[in-house]
Amino acid sequence: MKFTACYRKLEHGYMGKLLEWPGVITEGDDLDDCRELLLEAANEMAELYKDDGRKIPYIPLILESVSVPAEVEEEALLVHVS
């Protein structure tokens, strides 16, 4: 299965989550650390779901880029990473 990872810069490090699987979220010291921890979190969650006999939730998404007026503050912008 393929998922879309979304990363957000925090004051100290990064937060990462899978958009199609809202329960998979983590934080790392830097972007590479966050990517690695996000993959580990997804694998651990997949094992838990398998052990419980549950299917991995997958929310189909339609992603697109949109233009935002320049007067919107930079912190308010959502950046999509796939």
Protein backbone atom coordinates (compact mmCIF):
# COMPACT_ATOMS: atom_id res chain seq x y z
CA MET A 1 0.00 0.00 0.00
CA LYS A 2 1.13 3.52 -0.68
CA PHE A 3 0.36 6.41 1.64
CA THR A 4 0.95 10.15 1.48
CA ALA A 5 3.31 11.48 4.14
CA CYS A 6 2.86 15.04 5.32
CA TYR A 7 5.59 16.81 7.32
CA ARG A 8 5.38 19.99 9.34
CA LYS A 9 8.28 22.01 10.72
CA LEU A 10 7.95 22.53 14.47
CA GLU A 11 9.91 24.79 16.80
CA HIS A 12 12.15 21.81 17.62
CA GLY A 13 12.11 19.24 14.82
CA TYR A 14 9.37 17.93 12.55
CA MET A 15 5.99 16.25 12.86
CA GLY A 16 5.02 13.63 10.29
CA LYS A 17 1.76 11.84 9.59
CA LEU A 18 0.11 9.68 6.97
CA LEU A 19 -2.84 11.49 5.44
CA GLU A 20 -4.75 8.32 4.52
CA TRP A 21 -4.15 6.70 7.94
CA PRO A 22 -4.80 9.38 10.57
CA GLY A 23 -3.59 7.23 13.49
CA VAL A 24 -0.01 7.16 12.21
CA ILE A 25 1.76 10.29 13.45
CA THR A 26 5.20 10.95 14.93
CA GLU A 27 7.86 13.58 15.61
CA GLY A 28 11.58 13.60 14.83
CA ASP A 29 14.59 15.79 15.46
CA ASP A 30 15.05 16.50 11.75
CA LEU A 31 13.24 15.61 8.54
CA ASP A 32 15.21 12.41 7.91
CA ASP A 33 14.65 11.26 11.50
CA CYS A 34 10.94 12.02 11.19
CA ARG A 35 10.67 10.03 7.94
CA GLU A 36 12.35 7.03 9.55
CA LEU A 37 10.17 7.22 12.66
CA LEU A 38 7.03 7.59 10.54
CA LEU A 39 7.85 4.42 8.62
CA GLU A 40 8.51 2.59 11.90
CA ALA A 41 5.21 3.87 13.33
CA ALA A 42 3.32 2.69 10.22
CA ASN A 43 4.90 -0.76 10.42
CA GLU A 44 4.13 -1.05 14.14
CA MET A 45 0.52 0.02 13.57
CA ALA A 46 0.19 -2.47 10.71
CA GLU A 47 1.39 -5.27 13.01
CA LEU A 48 -1.08 -4.22 15.72
CA TYR A 49 -3.94 -4.18 13.23
CA LYS A 50 -2.89 -7.59 11.88
CA ASP A 51 -2.70 -9.06 15.40
CA ASP A 52 -6.17 -7.69 16.18
CA GLY A 53 -7.60 -9.01 12.90
CA ARG A 54 -8.39 -5.49 11.67
CA LYS A 55 -7.87 -4.08 8.20
CA ILE A 56 -5.54 -1.14 7.73
CA PRO A 57 -7.71 1.95 7.31
CA TYR A 58 -7.22 3.68 3.99
CA ILE A 59 -9.02 6.91 3.25
CA PRO A 60 -8.88 7.66 -0.49
CA LEU A 61 -7.85 11.26 -1.07
CA ILE A 62 -7.78 13.61 -4.00
CA LEU A 63 -4.83 15.96 -3.62
CA GLU A 64 -4.22 19.06 -5.65
CA SER A 65 -2.19 22.23 -5.42
CA VAL A 66 -4.07 25.47 -4.94
CA SER A 67 -2.95 29.07 -5.13
CA VAL A 68 -3.26 31.14 -1.97
CA PRO A 69 -3.26 34.95 -2.03
CA ALA A 70 0.12 36.46 -1.13
CA GLU A 71 -1.34 38.36 1.85
CA VAL A 72 -1.94 35.09 3.74
CA GLU A 73 0.72 34.56 6.41
CA GLU A 74 3.34 31.92 5.60
CA GLU A 75 2.58 29.91 8.81
CA ALA A 76 -0.99 29.36 7.62
CA LEU A 77 0.01 27.56 4.43
CA LEU A 78 -0.30 23.76 4.24
CA VAL A 79 2.40 22.12 2.19
CA HIS A 80 1.65 18.74 0.59
CA VAL A 81 4.50 16.23 0.32
CA SER A 82 4.02 12.92 -1.43
